[in-house]
Amino acid sequence: MKDKVLQFADWAEEHWIALIIILSIVMMFFLCSILASWLAGFWLKALYGMNFELSSCWQGVTAIATGLVTIISLGGACWAKYKTDSKYNSAPGQMPGQKIGGNDNVR
């Protein structure tokens, strides 16, 4: 089990930007479904007098928006690190993390 966790950690470290994009898409899907239910409830309450608690949707929207901002902020921080590494810590024309003469120039 430990090997599988370490294997996943290595994969996640290598594909962090893809994970940020996937998590952002999932969070946007939840946000859109909550907004759709809020809109349906708003119209059903207005047109047919159905009882629908609109404040519960606002709480869900707030929670999902907070999570989405957190995920995107983490992605921005990681991207800033990559940009800094590529600008200051690697040779011109070479990607960060590539070996130069047997030495790893990033870690």
Protein backbone atom coordinates (compact mmCIF):
# COMPACT_ATOMS: atom_id res chain seq x y z
CA MET A 1 0.00 0.00 0.00
CA LYS A 2 2.85 2.35 0.84
CA ASP A 3 4.34 1.78 -2.62
CA LYS A 4 1.05 2.68 -4.30
CA VAL A 5 0.79 5.90 -2.27
CA LEU A 6 4.37 6.83 -3.13
CA GLN A 7 3.76 5.96 -6.78
CA PHE A 8 0.67 8.19 -6.83
CA ALA A 9 2.62 10.99 -5.09
CA ASP A 10 5.31 10.81 -7.76
CA TRP A 11 2.69 10.88 -10.50
CA ALA A 12 0.87 13.81 -8.85
CA GLU A 13 4.11 15.77 -8.51
CA GLU A 14 4.84 15.25 -12.17
CA HIS A 15 1.29 16.12 -13.36
CA TRP A 16 0.29 18.81 -10.85
CA ILE A 17 -1.10 21.22 -13.44
CA ALA A 18 -3.42 18.52 -14.81
CA LEU A 19 -4.69 17.84 -11.28
CA ILE A 20 -5.38 21.54 -10.72
CA ILE A 21 -7.32 21.70 -14.01
CA ILE A 22 -9.33 18.55 -13.21
CA LEU A 23 -10.18 19.77 -9.70
CA SER A 24 -11.21 23.17 -11.06
CA ILE A 25 -13.51 21.55 -13.64
CA VAL A 26 -15.12 19.32 -10.99
CA MET A 27 -15.65 22.30 -8.69
CA MET A 28 -17.17 24.32 -11.56
CA PHE A 29 -19.53 21.41 -12.30
CA PHE A 30 -20.74 21.44 -8.68
CA LEU A 31 -21.06 25.22 -8.74
CA CYS A 32 -23.11 25.11 -11.94
CA SER A 33 -25.40 22.38 -10.58
CA ILE A 34 -26.04 24.37 -7.38
CA LEU A 35 -26.70 27.52 -9.40
CA ALA A 36 -29.09 25.58 -11.67
CA SER A 37 -30.99 24.23 -8.65
CA TRP A 38 -31.12 27.72 -7.16
CA LEU A 39 -32.51 29.11 -10.41
CA ALA A 40 -35.10 26.31 -10.65
CA GLY A 41 -36.12 26.85 -7.03
CA PHE A 42 -36.36 30.59 -7.52
CA TRP A 43 -38.70 30.21 -10.50
CA LEU A 44 -40.74 27.40 -8.93
CA LYS A 45 -41.25 29.50 -5.82
CA ALA A 46 -42.23 32.54 -7.88
CA LEU A 47 -44.51 30.77 -10.36
CA TYR A 48 -46.09 27.96 -8.33
CA GLY A 49 -45.61 29.04 -4.72
CA MET A 50 -43.43 26.01 -3.89
CA ASN A 51 -41.40 26.27 -0.72
CA PHE A 52 -37.70 26.36 -1.44
CA GLU A 53 -35.02 27.61 0.93
CA LEU A 54 -32.93 29.96 -1.19
CA SER A 55 -30.38 30.67 1.54
CA SER A 56 -29.21 27.04 1.45
CA CYS A 57 -28.15 27.50 -2.17
CA TRP A 58 -26.22 30.65 -1.33
CA GLN A 59 -24.35 28.73 1.38
CA GLY A 60 -23.48 26.01 -1.13
CA VAL A 61 -22.37 28.54 -3.73
CA THR A 62 -20.17 30.26 -1.14
CA ALA A 63 -18.58 26.99 -0.02
CA ILE A 64 -17.86 25.83 -3.58
CA ALA A 65 -16.58 29.25 -4.66
CA THR A 66 -14.22 29.29 -1.67
CA GLY A 67 -12.92 25.84 -2.59
CA LEU A 68 -12.52 26.85 -6.21
CA VAL A 69 -10.56 29.99 -5.28
CA THR A 70 -8.34 27.88 -3.00
CA ILE A 71 -7.59 25.35 -5.75
CA ILE A 72 -6.85 28.03 -8.32
CA SER A 73 -4.64 29.91 -5.83
CA LEU A 74 -2.62 26.74 -5.22
CA GLY A 75 -2.22 26.34 -8.97
CA GLY A 76 -1.07 29.95 -9.28
CA ALA A 77 1.47 29.49 -6.49
CA CYS A 78 2.86 26.35 -8.16
CA TRP A 79 2.99 28.09 -11.53
CA ALA A 80 4.83 31.05 -9.95
CA LYS A 81 7.42 28.63 -8.53
CA TYR A 82 7.86 27.02 -11.96
CA LYS A 83 8.25 30.43 -13.61
CA THR A 84 10.80 31.53 -11.01
CA ASP A 85 12.73 28.29 -11.41
CA SER A 86 12.72 28.61 -15.18
CA LYS A 87 13.83 32.26 -15.09
CA TYR A 88 16.48 32.23 -12.37
CA ASN A 89 17.49 28.63 -11.62
CA SER A 90 18.06 27.03 -15.01
CA ALA A 91 20.21 27.60 -18.01
CA PRO A 92 18.72 29.67 -20.86
CA GLY A 93 16.70 27.49 -23.22
CA GLN A 94 16.53 24.56 -20.80
CA MET A 95 13.43 23.50 -18.89
CA PRO A 96 13.59 23.50 -15.07
CA GLY A 97 14.26 20.11 -13.57
CA GLN A 98 16.48 18.85 -16.40
CA LYS A 99 19.91 17.66 -15.45
CA ILE A 100 22.91 19.76 -16.37
CA GLY A 101 26.11 17.74 -16.28
CA GLY A 102 24.67 15.16 -13.87
CA ASN A 103 23.39 17.71 -11.34
CA ASP A 104 19.73 18.41 -10.80
CA ASN A 105 19.38 22.19 -11.08
CA VAL A 106 16.02 22.58 -9.29
CA ARG A 107 15.87 20.46 -6.18
